[in-house]
N, C-alpha and C. Protein backbone atom coordinates (compact mmCIF):
# COMPACT_ATOMS: atom_id res chain seq x y z
N GLY A 1 -34.32 -28.10 -0.96
CA GLY A 1 -33.22 -28.70 -1.24
C GLY A 1 -34.48 -29.82 -1.80
N SER A 2 -33.83 -31.11 -2.19
CA SER A 2 -34.11 -32.16 -2.74
C SER A 2 -33.50 -33.67 -2.76
N SER A 3 -33.88 -34.50 -3.22
CA SER A 3 -33.19 -35.94 -2.59
C SER A 3 -32.15 -35.99 -3.74
N ASP A 4 -32.28 -35.10 -5.22
CA ASP A 4 -31.40 -35.06 -5.68
C ASP A 4 -30.27 -34.11 -5.12
N SER A 5 -30.66 -33.37 -4.49
CA SER A 5 -29.75 -32.33 -4.41
C SER A 5 -29.98 -31.66 -2.92
N PRO A 6 -29.82 -32.25 -1.85
CA PRO A 6 -30.25 -31.60 -0.63
C PRO A 6 -29.65 -30.78 0.26
N LEU A 7 -29.96 -29.88 0.95
CA LEU A 7 -29.21 -28.88 1.69
C LEU A 7 -28.19 -29.33 2.23
N ALA A 8 -27.25 -28.45 2.43
CA ALA A 8 -25.36 -28.85 3.16
C ALA A 8 -25.78 -28.87 4.60
N THR A 9 -26.55 -28.38 5.30
CA THR A 9 -26.85 -28.24 6.59
C THR A 9 -27.86 -28.09 7.08
N LEU A 10 -28.17 -28.45 8.13
CA LEU A 10 -29.32 -28.56 9.01
C LEU A 10 -29.64 -27.20 9.33
N ALA A 11 -29.21 -26.23 9.72
CA ALA A 11 -29.46 -24.90 9.84
C ALA A 11 -29.98 -24.12 8.24
N ALA A 12 -29.54 -24.85 7.09
CA ALA A 12 -30.02 -24.05 5.80
C ALA A 12 -31.54 -24.62 5.71
N ALA A 13 -31.63 -25.75 5.83
CA ALA A 13 -32.97 -27.04 5.63
C ALA A 13 -33.89 -26.08 6.48
N TYR A 14 -33.56 -25.94 7.99
CA TYR A 14 -34.66 -24.95 8.51
C TYR A 14 -35.02 -23.61 8.31
N ALA A 15 -33.71 -22.90 8.00
CA ALA A 15 -33.78 -21.39 7.47
C ALA A 15 -35.37 -21.76 6.07
N ALA A 16 -35.16 -22.46 5.20
CA ALA A 16 -35.81 -22.60 3.91
C ALA A 16 -37.22 -22.80 4.29
N THR A 17 -37.63 -23.34 5.66
CA THR A 17 -39.09 -23.69 6.14
C THR A 17 -39.83 -22.39 6.40
N THR A 18 -41.28 -22.69 6.30
CA THR A 18 -42.35 -21.51 6.66
C THR A 18 -43.10 -21.82 7.97
N GLU A 19 -42.69 -21.11 8.63
CA GLU A 19 -43.61 -21.47 9.63
C GLU A 19 -44.82 -21.34 9.62
N GLY A 20 -46.00 -22.82 9.98
CA GLY A 20 -47.59 -23.07 10.34
C GLY A 20 -47.52 -23.67 9.22
N LYS A 21 -46.82 -24.45 7.80
CA LYS A 21 -46.66 -24.44 6.43
C LYS A 21 -46.42 -26.44 6.84
N ASN A 22 -46.55 -26.65 7.92
CA ASN A 22 -46.16 -28.53 8.05
C ASN A 22 -45.07 -28.78 6.88
N ASP A 23 -43.92 -27.53 7.04
CA ASP A 23 -42.52 -28.34 6.34
C ASP A 23 -42.04 -28.93 7.00
N VAL A 24 -41.19 -30.10 6.33
CA VAL A 24 -40.31 -31.24 7.02
C VAL A 24 -39.17 -31.26 6.29
N VAL A 25 -38.17 -31.03 7.77
CA VAL A 25 -36.51 -31.17 7.48
C VAL A 25 -36.29 -32.60 7.91
N VAL A 26 -35.82 -33.21 6.94
CA VAL A 26 -35.55 -34.62 6.75
C VAL A 26 -34.02 -34.66 7.10
N LEU A 27 -33.76 -35.34 8.29
CA LEU A 27 -31.92 -35.79 8.82
C LEU A 27 -31.89 -37.26 7.52
N VAL A 28 -31.13 -37.12 6.88
CA VAL A 28 -31.00 -38.43 6.08
C VAL A 28 -29.54 -38.61 7.02
N GLY A 29 -29.86 -40.08 7.33
CA GLY A 29 -28.94 -40.83 8.09
C GLY A 29 -27.78 -41.54 7.22
N HIS A 30 -26.96 -42.34 7.80
CA HIS A 30 -25.73 -43.02 7.27
C HIS A 30 -25.80 -44.40 8.38
N PRO A 31 -25.62 -45.51 8.00
CA PRO A 31 -26.10 -46.58 8.82
C PRO A 31 -24.54 -46.95 9.21
N THR A 32 -23.46 -45.72 9.31
CA THR A 32 -22.18 -46.34 10.05
C THR A 32 -21.79 -45.22 10.64
N THR A 33 -20.79 -45.27 11.81
CA THR A 33 -20.14 -44.20 12.25
C THR A 33 -18.89 -43.85 11.39
N ALA A 34 -18.53 -44.32 10.67
CA ALA A 34 -17.10 -44.03 9.71
C ALA A 34 -17.29 -43.10 8.52
N SER A 35 -18.60 -42.67 8.14
CA SER A 35 -18.80 -41.40 7.26
C SER A 35 -18.58 -40.01 8.12
N ALA A 36 -17.45 -39.39 8.00
CA ALA A 36 -17.39 -37.53 8.44
C ALA A 36 -18.23 -37.20 8.20
N THR A 37 -18.57 -37.22 7.15
CA THR A 37 -19.70 -36.52 6.26
C THR A 37 -21.09 -36.21 6.35
N THR A 38 -21.75 -37.98 6.95
CA THR A 38 -22.92 -37.84 6.40
C THR A 38 -23.58 -38.56 7.63
N GLY A 39 -24.84 -38.26 8.12
CA GLY A 39 -25.38 -39.02 9.13
C GLY A 39 -25.34 -38.41 10.22
N THR A 40 -24.35 -37.36 10.40
CA THR A 40 -24.28 -36.30 11.80
C THR A 40 -24.62 -35.15 11.63
N PHE A 41 -25.16 -34.29 11.88
CA PHE A 41 -25.70 -32.99 11.25
C PHE A 41 -24.55 -32.04 13.10
N ARG A 42 -23.68 -31.55 12.87
CA ARG A 42 -22.62 -31.18 13.80
C ARG A 42 -23.15 -29.45 14.10
N LEU A 43 -23.66 -29.07 15.23
CA LEU A 43 -23.89 -27.69 15.56
C LEU A 43 -22.68 -27.28 16.26
N SER A 44 -22.59 -25.77 15.90
CA SER A 44 -21.39 -25.06 16.60
C SER A 44 -22.05 -23.98 17.85
N ALA A 45 -23.41 -23.80 17.28
CA ALA A 45 -24.26 -23.01 18.60
C ALA A 45 -25.87 -23.83 18.37
N GLN A 46 -26.48 -22.95 19.16
CA GLN A 46 -28.13 -23.76 19.60
C GLN A 46 -28.52 -23.68 18.38
N LEU A 47 -29.36 -24.78 18.46
CA LEU A 47 -30.23 -25.02 17.39
C LEU A 47 -31.67 -24.40 18.14
N ASP A 48 -31.92 -23.43 17.56
CA ASP A 48 -33.77 -22.81 18.43
C ASP A 48 -34.64 -23.17 17.14
N TRP A 49 -35.87 -24.02 17.82
CA TRP A 49 -36.57 -24.72 16.75
C TRP A 49 -37.84 -24.11 17.17
N ALA A 50 -38.15 -22.62 16.56
CA ALA A 50 -39.01 -21.91 16.43
C ALA A 50 -39.91 -21.83 15.96
N LYS A 51 -39.97 -22.34 14.93
CA LYS A 51 -41.47 -22.31 13.83
C LYS A 51 -42.34 -23.17 13.85
N SER A 52 -43.71 -22.60 14.47
CA SER A 52 -44.68 -23.79 14.88
C SER A 52 -44.94 -24.86 13.28
N ALA A 53 -45.29 -25.58 13.59
CA ALA A 53 -46.11 -26.44 12.63
C ALA A 53 -44.93 -26.59 11.31
N THR A 54 -43.55 -27.09 12.26
CA THR A 54 -42.27 -27.46 11.20
C THR A 54 -41.98 -28.46 12.16
N HIS A 55 -41.22 -29.60 11.14
CA HIS A 55 -41.17 -30.95 11.34
C HIS A 55 -39.89 -31.19 11.23
N LEU A 56 -39.19 -32.26 12.20
CA LEU A 56 -37.96 -32.58 12.05
C LEU A 56 -37.64 -34.24 12.10
N VAL A 57 -37.64 -34.99 11.19
CA VAL A 57 -37.79 -36.63 10.78
C VAL A 57 -36.61 -36.81 10.30
N GLY A 58 -35.88 -37.78 11.13
CA GLY A 58 -34.78 -38.78 10.60
C GLY A 58 -35.24 -39.53 9.66
N MET A 59 -34.66 -40.07 8.32
CA MET A 59 -34.64 -41.18 7.47
C MET A 59 -33.23 -41.79 7.99
N THR A 60 -33.62 -43.13 8.50
CA THR A 60 -32.94 -44.02 8.75
C THR A 60 -33.55 -44.89 9.64
N ALA A 61 -33.21 -46.14 9.99
CA ALA A 61 -33.47 -47.79 10.56
C ALA A 61 -34.05 -46.99 11.87
N PRO A 62 -35.47 -47.13 12.03
CA PRO A 62 -35.97 -46.78 13.41
C PRO A 62 -35.83 -47.71 14.81
N THR A 63 -34.28 -47.36 14.99
CA THR A 63 -34.25 -48.11 16.15
C THR A 63 -34.29 -47.23 17.23
N MET A 64 -34.32 -47.98 18.41
CA MET A 64 -34.68 -46.70 19.68
C MET A 64 -33.63 -46.15 20.03
N ILE A 65 -32.31 -46.83 20.18
CA ILE A 65 -31.32 -46.64 20.53
C ILE A 65 -29.82 -46.52 19.45
N GLY A 66 -29.65 -45.43 19.26
CA GLY A 66 -28.17 -45.22 18.25
C GLY A 66 -28.72 -45.06 16.21
N GLN A 67 -29.83 -44.06 16.83
CA GLN A 67 -30.14 -43.88 15.34
C GLN A 67 -29.19 -43.08 14.69
N ARG A 68 -29.17 -43.26 13.13
CA ARG A 68 -27.69 -43.28 12.50
C ARG A 68 -28.20 -41.84 11.98
N ALA A 69 -29.42 -41.00 12.30
CA ALA A 69 -29.45 -39.56 11.61
C ALA A 69 -29.64 -38.96 13.37
N ARG A 70 -28.32 -37.96 13.12
CA ARG A 70 -28.06 -37.48 14.51
C ARG A 70 -28.18 -36.32 14.40
N ILE A 71 -27.95 -35.37 15.54
CA ILE A 71 -27.42 -33.95 15.79
C ILE A 71 -26.53 -34.16 17.13
N SER A 72 -25.38 -33.57 16.66
CA SER A 72 -24.19 -33.12 17.92
C SER A 72 -23.44 -32.21 17.82
N THR A 73 -22.64 -31.75 18.60
CA THR A 73 -21.71 -30.81 18.45
C THR A 73 -20.80 -30.93 17.60
N ALA A 74 -19.81 -30.06 16.99
CA ALA A 74 -18.95 -29.73 16.26
C ALA A 74 -17.50 -30.63 16.62
N THR A 75 -17.33 -31.45 15.54
CA THR A 75 -16.21 -32.12 15.70
C THR A 75 -14.94 -31.07 16.34
N GLY A 76 -14.52 -32.10 17.37
CA GLY A 76 -13.22 -31.03 18.24
C GLY A 76 -13.98 -29.80 19.11
N ALA A 77 -14.93 -30.01 19.05
CA ALA A 77 -15.71 -28.82 20.04
C ALA A 77 -15.08 -28.93 21.63
N THR A 78 -14.94 -27.60 22.19
CA THR A 78 -14.36 -27.90 23.22
C THR A 78 -15.19 -27.14 24.20
N ALA A 79 -16.08 -26.61 23.83
CA ALA A 79 -17.53 -26.06 25.09
C ALA A 79 -18.98 -26.67 24.40
N ASN A 80 -19.50 -27.01 25.84
CA ASN A 80 -20.66 -27.21 25.62
C ASN A 80 -21.54 -26.52 24.93
N ILE A 81 -22.97 -26.25 24.65
CA ILE A 81 -23.75 -25.54 24.03
C ILE A 81 -25.04 -25.64 24.84
N ALA A 82 -25.23 -24.59 25.62
CA ALA A 82 -26.74 -24.53 26.48
C ALA A 82 -27.38 -24.12 25.56
N ASP A 83 -28.91 -24.50 25.37
CA ASP A 83 -29.30 -25.79 25.65
C ASP A 83 -28.95 -26.04 23.94
N LEU A 84 -28.65 -27.45 23.51
CA LEU A 84 -27.79 -27.90 22.18
C LEU A 84 -29.45 -27.30 21.22
N LEU A 85 -30.35 -27.72 21.75
CA LEU A 85 -32.01 -28.01 20.96
C LEU A 85 -32.97 -27.21 22.13
N LYS A 86 -32.92 -25.94 21.53
CA LYS A 86 -34.05 -25.07 22.27
C LYS A 86 -35.44 -25.39 21.23
N ILE A 87 -36.95 -25.96 21.81
CA ILE A 87 -38.00 -25.56 21.04
C ILE A 87 -38.83 -24.99 21.74
N THR A 88 -39.06 -24.17 20.95
CA THR A 88 -40.01 -22.97 21.44
C THR A 88 -41.09 -23.06 20.70
N ALA A 89 -41.32 -23.57 19.64
CA ALA A 89 -42.44 -23.63 18.73
C ALA A 89 -43.40 -24.88 19.22
N GLN A 90 -44.94 -24.56 18.65
CA GLN A 90 -45.85 -24.95 19.01
C GLN A 90 -46.03 -26.47 17.87
N GLY A 91 -46.50 -27.64 18.40
CA GLY A 91 -47.39 -28.28 17.19
C GLY A 91 -46.51 -28.88 16.24
N CYS A 92 -45.49 -28.94 16.37
CA CYS A 92 -44.38 -29.85 16.03
C CYS A 92 -44.26 -31.49 15.94
N TYR A 93 -43.73 -32.12 14.74
CA TYR A 93 -43.41 -33.21 15.02
C TYR A 93 -42.06 -33.89 14.83
N PHE A 94 -41.12 -34.61 16.17
CA PHE A 94 -39.68 -34.94 15.84
C PHE A 94 -39.92 -36.34 15.98
N ALA A 95 -39.07 -36.97 14.83
CA ALA A 95 -39.24 -38.19 14.74
C ALA A 95 -37.84 -38.87 13.92
N ASN A 96 -37.37 -40.42 15.02
CA ASN A 96 -36.58 -40.95 14.42
C ASN A 96 -35.39 -40.12 14.30
N PHE A 97 -34.60 -40.01 15.29
CA PHE A 97 -33.31 -39.23 15.49
C PHE A 97 -32.70 -39.32 16.26
N SER A 98 -31.30 -39.17 16.83
CA SER A 98 -31.13 -38.71 18.23
C SER A 98 -29.84 -37.34 18.29
N ILE A 99 -30.14 -37.32 19.53
CA ILE A 99 -28.97 -35.52 19.57
C ILE A 99 -28.36 -35.98 20.60
N PHE A 100 -27.16 -35.79 20.52
CA PHE A 100 -26.22 -35.65 21.68
C PHE A 100 -25.04 -34.69 21.94
N GLN A 101 -25.01 -34.52 23.38
CA GLN A 101 -23.80 -33.67 23.40
C GLN A 101 -22.98 -34.61 24.74
N GLY A 102 -21.66 -34.37 24.66
CA GLY A 102 -20.82 -34.86 25.58
C GLY A 102 -19.80 -34.49 25.29
N VAL A 103 -19.61 -32.87 25.40
CA VAL A 103 -17.99 -32.35 24.82
C VAL A 103 -17.11 -32.62 26.16
N GLY A 104 -17.46 -32.86 27.56
CA GLY A 104 -16.82 -33.22 28.23
C GLY A 104 -15.86 -31.77 29.29
N GLU A 105 -16.30 -30.70 28.53
CA GLU A 105 -15.94 -29.53 29.46
C GLU A 105 -16.27 -29.32 30.70
N ALA A 106 -15.63 -29.03 32.11
CA ALA A 106 -15.61 -29.47 33.22
C ALA A 106 -16.26 -27.82 33.70
N SER A 107 -16.15 -26.87 33.22
CA SER A 107 -16.43 -25.50 33.58
C SER A 107 -18.01 -25.15 33.64
N THR A 108 -18.74 -25.94 32.56
CA THR A 108 -20.28 -25.63 32.29
C THR A 108 -20.88 -26.97 32.38
N ASP A 109 -22.32 -26.67 32.62
CA ASP A 109 -23.12 -27.85 32.47
C ASP A 109 -23.63 -28.26 31.06
N GLU A 110 -23.99 -29.53 31.00
CA GLU A 110 -24.01 -29.73 29.87
C GLU A 110 -25.37 -29.96 29.75
N GLN A 111 -26.10 -29.24 28.94
CA GLN A 111 -27.78 -28.54 29.08
C GLN A 111 -28.22 -29.36 27.62
N LEU A 112 -29.01 -30.62 27.51
CA LEU A 112 -29.14 -31.11 25.93
C LEU A 112 -30.43 -30.43 25.00
N CYS A 113 -31.61 -30.11 25.92
CA CYS A 113 -32.90 -29.89 25.54
C CYS A 113 -33.73 -29.00 26.26
N GLN A 114 -33.88 -27.89 25.56
CA GLN A 114 -35.33 -27.03 26.59
C GLN A 114 -36.78 -27.36 25.73
N ILE A 115 -37.53 -27.52 26.55
CA ILE A 115 -38.59 -27.05 25.42
C ILE A 115 -39.57 -26.53 26.39
N THR A 116 -40.05 -24.97 26.04
CA THR A 116 -40.99 -24.17 26.43
C THR A 116 -42.22 -23.96 25.47
N GLY A 117 -41.99 -24.67 24.18
CA GLY A 117 -43.52 -25.09 23.26
C GLY A 117 -44.14 -25.96 23.89
N GLN A 118 -45.66 -26.08 23.34
CA GLN A 118 -46.39 -26.82 23.46
C GLN A 118 -46.81 -27.83 22.56
N ARG A 119 -47.43 -29.11 22.63
CA ARG A 119 -48.32 -30.35 22.13
C ARG A 119 -47.31 -30.28 20.84
N ASN A 120 -46.45 -30.63 20.82
CA ASN A 120 -45.25 -31.25 20.33
C ASN A 120 -45.22 -32.41 20.41
N TYR A 121 -44.74 -33.24 19.56
CA TYR A 121 -45.07 -34.75 19.72
C TYR A 121 -43.76 -35.37 19.39
N PHE A 122 -43.06 -36.40 19.88
CA PHE A 122 -41.74 -36.61 20.13
C PHE A 122 -41.99 -38.02 19.70
N TYR A 123 -41.51 -38.73 18.62
CA TYR A 123 -41.41 -40.53 18.70
C TYR A 123 -40.20 -40.92 17.93
N ASN A 124 -39.59 -42.12 18.98
CA ASN A 124 -38.41 -42.55 18.41
C ASN A 124 -37.18 -41.56 18.55
N VAL A 125 -37.56 -40.39 19.31
CA VAL A 125 -36.08 -39.53 19.54
C VAL A 125 -35.08 -40.02 20.60
N ALA A 126 -33.65 -40.48 20.52
CA ALA A 126 -32.85 -40.36 21.31
C ALA A 126 -32.12 -39.28 22.05
N PHE A 127 -32.45 -38.96 23.09
CA PHE A 127 -32.20 -37.82 24.09
C PHE A 127 -31.07 -38.15 24.80
N GLN A 128 -29.68 -37.87 24.10
CA GLN A 128 -28.80 -38.40 24.78
C GLN A 128 -27.85 -37.41 25.37
N GLY A 129 -27.99 -37.14 26.80
CA GLY A 129 -27.04 -35.90 26.71
C GLY A 129 -26.49 -36.40 28.21
N MET A 130 -25.57 -35.37 28.67
CA MET A 130 -24.77 -35.62 29.56
C MET A 130 -23.87 -37.02 29.15
N GLY A 131 -22.94 -36.84 27.98
CA GLY A 131 -22.63 -37.92 27.73
C GLY A 131 -21.11 -37.80 27.64
N SER A 132 -20.56 -37.14 28.90
CA SER A 132 -19.50 -36.92 29.01
C SER A 132 -19.17 -37.39 30.75
N ALA A 133 -18.09 -37.83 31.49
CA ALA A 133 -17.95 -37.86 32.85
C ALA A 133 -18.07 -36.57 33.27
N ASN A 134 -17.47 -35.19 32.73
CA ASN A 134 -17.97 -33.78 33.74
C ASN A 134 -18.96 -33.17 33.13
N GLY A 135 -19.89 -33.62 32.47
CA GLY A 135 -21.10 -33.02 32.43
C GLY A 135 -22.12 -34.17 33.43
N ALA A 136 -21.93 -35.16 33.45
CA ALA A 136 -22.59 -36.51 34.23
C ALA A 136 -22.44 -35.54 35.92
N GLY A 137 -21.19 -35.02 35.90
CA GLY A 137 -20.60 -34.88 37.52
C GLY A 137 -21.20 -33.22 37.88
N ARG A 138 -22.14 -32.49 36.78
CA ARG A 138 -22.35 -31.33 37.27
C ARG A 138 -23.80 -31.22 37.50
N ALA A 139 -24.46 -30.70 38.90
CA ALA A 139 -25.58 -30.81 39.50
C ALA A 139 -26.38 -29.87 38.65
N GLY A 140 -26.33 -29.18 37.62
CA GLY A 140 -26.89 -28.47 36.67
C GLY A 140 -27.07 -28.84 35.60
N SER A 141 -26.63 -29.90 35.07
CA SER A 141 -26.96 -31.03 33.62
C SER A 141 -28.43 -31.34 33.75
N TYR A 142 -28.44 -31.27 32.49
CA TYR A 142 -29.82 -32.35 32.43
C TYR A 142 -30.01 -32.77 30.68
N VAL A 143 -30.96 -33.62 30.69
CA VAL A 143 -30.99 -34.11 29.17
C VAL A 143 -32.22 -33.24 28.60
N ILE A 144 -33.38 -33.25 29.24
CA ILE A 144 -34.65 -32.50 28.97
C ILE A 144 -35.16 -31.80 30.17
N TYR A 145 -35.49 -30.32 29.60
CA TYR A 145 -35.93 -29.22 30.36
C TYR A 145 -37.11 -28.72 30.10
N LEU A 146 -38.27 -29.45 30.70
CA LEU A 146 -40.16 -28.63 30.45
C LEU A 146 -40.26 -27.45 30.96
N ASN A 147 -39.61 -26.58 30.28
CA ASN A 147 -39.83 -25.00 30.96
C ASN A 147 -41.29 -24.63 30.47
N GLY A 148 -42.05 -24.95 31.19
CA GLY A 148 -43.26 -24.10 30.42
C GLY A 148 -43.95 -24.86 29.49
N GLY A 149 -42.98 -25.86 28.96
CA GLY A 149 -44.08 -26.77 27.89
C GLY A 149 -44.77 -27.48 28.47
N SER A 150 -46.00 -27.62 28.16
CA SER A 150 -46.93 -28.51 28.26
C SER A 150 -47.58 -29.19 27.32
N GLU A 151 -48.15 -30.23 27.65
CA GLU A 151 -49.12 -31.02 26.29
C GLU A 151 -48.01 -31.35 25.21
N ASN A 152 -46.77 -31.87 25.55
CA ASN A 152 -46.28 -32.40 24.68
C ASN A 152 -46.06 -34.08 24.57
N THR A 153 -46.20 -34.75 24.12
CA THR A 153 -45.99 -36.07 24.00
C THR A 153 -44.94 -36.71 23.28
N PHE A 154 -44.46 -37.83 24.78
CA PHE A 154 -43.11 -38.33 24.20
C PHE A 154 -43.21 -40.13 23.71
N VAL A 155 -42.88 -40.75 22.79
CA VAL A 155 -43.61 -42.19 22.35
C VAL A 155 -42.10 -42.78 21.95
N GLY A 156 -41.74 -43.97 22.99
CA GLY A 156 -40.75 -44.90 22.70
C GLY A 156 -39.17 -43.87 22.34
N CYS A 157 -38.89 -43.18 23.55
CA CYS A 157 -38.20 -42.13 22.87
C CYS A 157 -36.82 -42.78 24.03
N GLN A 158 -35.79 -42.74 24.02
CA GLN A 158 -34.53 -42.81 24.87
C GLN A 158 -34.34 -41.63 25.63
N ILE A 159 -34.13 -41.93 26.59
CA ILE A 159 -33.85 -39.97 27.75
C ILE A 159 -32.44 -40.77 28.77
N GLY A 160 -31.19 -40.04 28.09
CA GLY A 160 -30.18 -40.30 28.67
C GLY A 160 -29.29 -40.89 28.19
N VAL A 161 -28.06 -41.48 28.59
CA VAL A 161 -27.32 -42.59 28.01
C VAL A 161 -26.83 -43.52 29.26
N ASP A 162 -26.64 -44.69 29.11
CA ASP A 162 -26.05 -45.56 29.94
C ASP A 162 -24.49 -45.77 29.92
N THR A 163 -23.98 -44.87 29.42
CA THR A 163 -22.42 -44.97 29.07
C THR A 163 -21.53 -44.15 30.16
N GLN A 164 -22.14 -43.24 30.86
CA GLN A 164 -21.75 -42.37 31.87
C GLN A 164 -22.24 -42.51 33.31
N SER A 165 -21.29 -42.56 33.92
CA SER A 165 -21.90 -42.88 35.68
C SER A 165 -22.46 -41.37 36.36
N ARG A 166 -23.37 -41.25 36.59
CA ARG A 166 -23.31 -39.78 37.39
C ARG A 166 -22.80 -39.50 38.26
N SER A 167 -22.07 -38.64 38.96
CA SER A 167 -21.56 -38.15 40.04
C SER A 167 -22.08 -36.75 40.72
N ALA A 168 -23.42 -36.68 40.38
CA ALA A 168 -23.82 -35.40 41.30
C ALA A 168 -25.41 -35.31 40.88
N ALA A 169 -26.20 -34.86 41.47
CA ALA A 169 -27.68 -34.96 41.67
C ALA A 169 -28.10 -34.10 40.33
N ASN A 170 -28.35 -34.60 39.17
CA ASN A 170 -28.61 -33.70 37.85
C ASN A 170 -30.12 -34.42 37.69
N ALA A 171 -30.30 -33.97 36.23
CA ALA A 171 -31.78 -34.26 35.91
C ALA A 171 -32.03 -34.91 34.43
N SER A 172 -32.42 -36.11 34.36
CA SER A 172 -32.71 -36.71 33.16
C SER A 172 -33.77 -35.78 32.30
N ILE A 173 -34.85 -35.67 33.33
CA ILE A 173 -35.87 -34.48 33.16
C ILE A 173 -36.30 -33.78 33.76
N LYS A 174 -36.44 -32.43 33.54
CA LYS A 174 -36.33 -31.30 34.45
C LYS A 174 -37.31 -30.84 34.56
N VAL A 175 -38.90 -30.44 35.56
CA VAL A 175 -39.93 -29.71 35.00
C VAL A 175 -40.23 -28.67 35.90
N ARG A 176 -40.54 -27.91 35.29
CA ARG A 176 -40.68 -26.27 35.66
C ARG A 176 -41.89 -25.48 35.31
N THR A 177 -42.29 -24.43 35.86
CA THR A 177 -43.19 -23.29 35.40
C THR A 177 -44.23 -23.68 34.55
N ALA A 178 -45.45 -24.35 35.13
CA ALA A 178 -46.43 -24.87 34.69
C ALA A 178 -46.31 -25.97 33.21
N ALA A 179 -45.48 -26.97 33.61
CA ALA A 179 -45.25 -27.51 32.52
C ALA A 179 -46.27 -29.04 32.83
N THR A 180 -47.34 -28.93 32.40
CA THR A 180 -48.46 -29.89 32.75
C THR A 180 -48.84 -30.73 31.43
N ARG A 181 -49.43 -31.74 31.64
CA ARG A 181 -50.00 -32.41 30.82
C ARG A 181 -48.90 -33.32 29.76
N ASN A 182 -47.84 -33.25 30.24
CA ASN A 182 -46.89 -33.78 29.26
C ASN A 182 -46.98 -35.43 29.32
N ILE A 183 -46.86 -36.17 28.40
CA ILE A 183 -47.24 -37.95 28.43
C ILE A 183 -45.79 -38.19 27.99
N PHE A 184 -45.28 -39.56 28.65
CA PHE A 184 -44.41 -40.28 28.26
C PHE A 184 -44.74 -41.41 28.51
N GLN A 185 -44.72 -42.22 27.00
CA GLN A 185 -45.09 -43.84 26.71
C GLN A 185 -44.03 -44.54 26.26
N GLN A 186 -44.05 -45.51 26.83
CA GLN A 186 -42.88 -46.13 26.36
C GLN A 186 -41.70 -45.83 26.08
N CYS A 187 -41.06 -45.39 27.10
CA CYS A 187 -40.09 -44.43 27.18
C CYS A 187 -38.83 -45.31 28.00
N LEU A 188 -37.77 -44.87 27.44
CA LEU A 188 -36.55 -45.75 28.27
C LEU A 188 -35.76 -44.66 28.57
């Protein structure tokens, strides 16, 4: 794609990248939530970010909360996607976008982002998981799951939402299996 003729979906843009070449996928934001066709990239299946040194950057005002370059579930979705984003790649740069899941399905956990990759850098990413009362009420729900992912750095990120009260012991950040040397700086 190009600025005059961008690819229509996040999946198409990701498919056009080459692992290890430092390709960049740009999410073009929209200043309001009124536009149903721009700004939010809607997923109907898990986005598996598996190409190392492939980057994802939102092109929008760099606010810490409510970025208008967004990833979310499909409009009208009735089932949670676990995980909505899975990062198995290494050496990637993620910046200036938000990712949200809050379908409200009562029978499954809301699991936003699992990271098994290493040495990734997250700058100003709003990880907005458990966005529904049902998700916030399930013990298996989480926002970020560092499952062996080590040496990842998070700077100026928002983790979780303040619009839902949690009624179960679940996790904003779940750490397991040698997920060492992860750094969180100036995160909310």
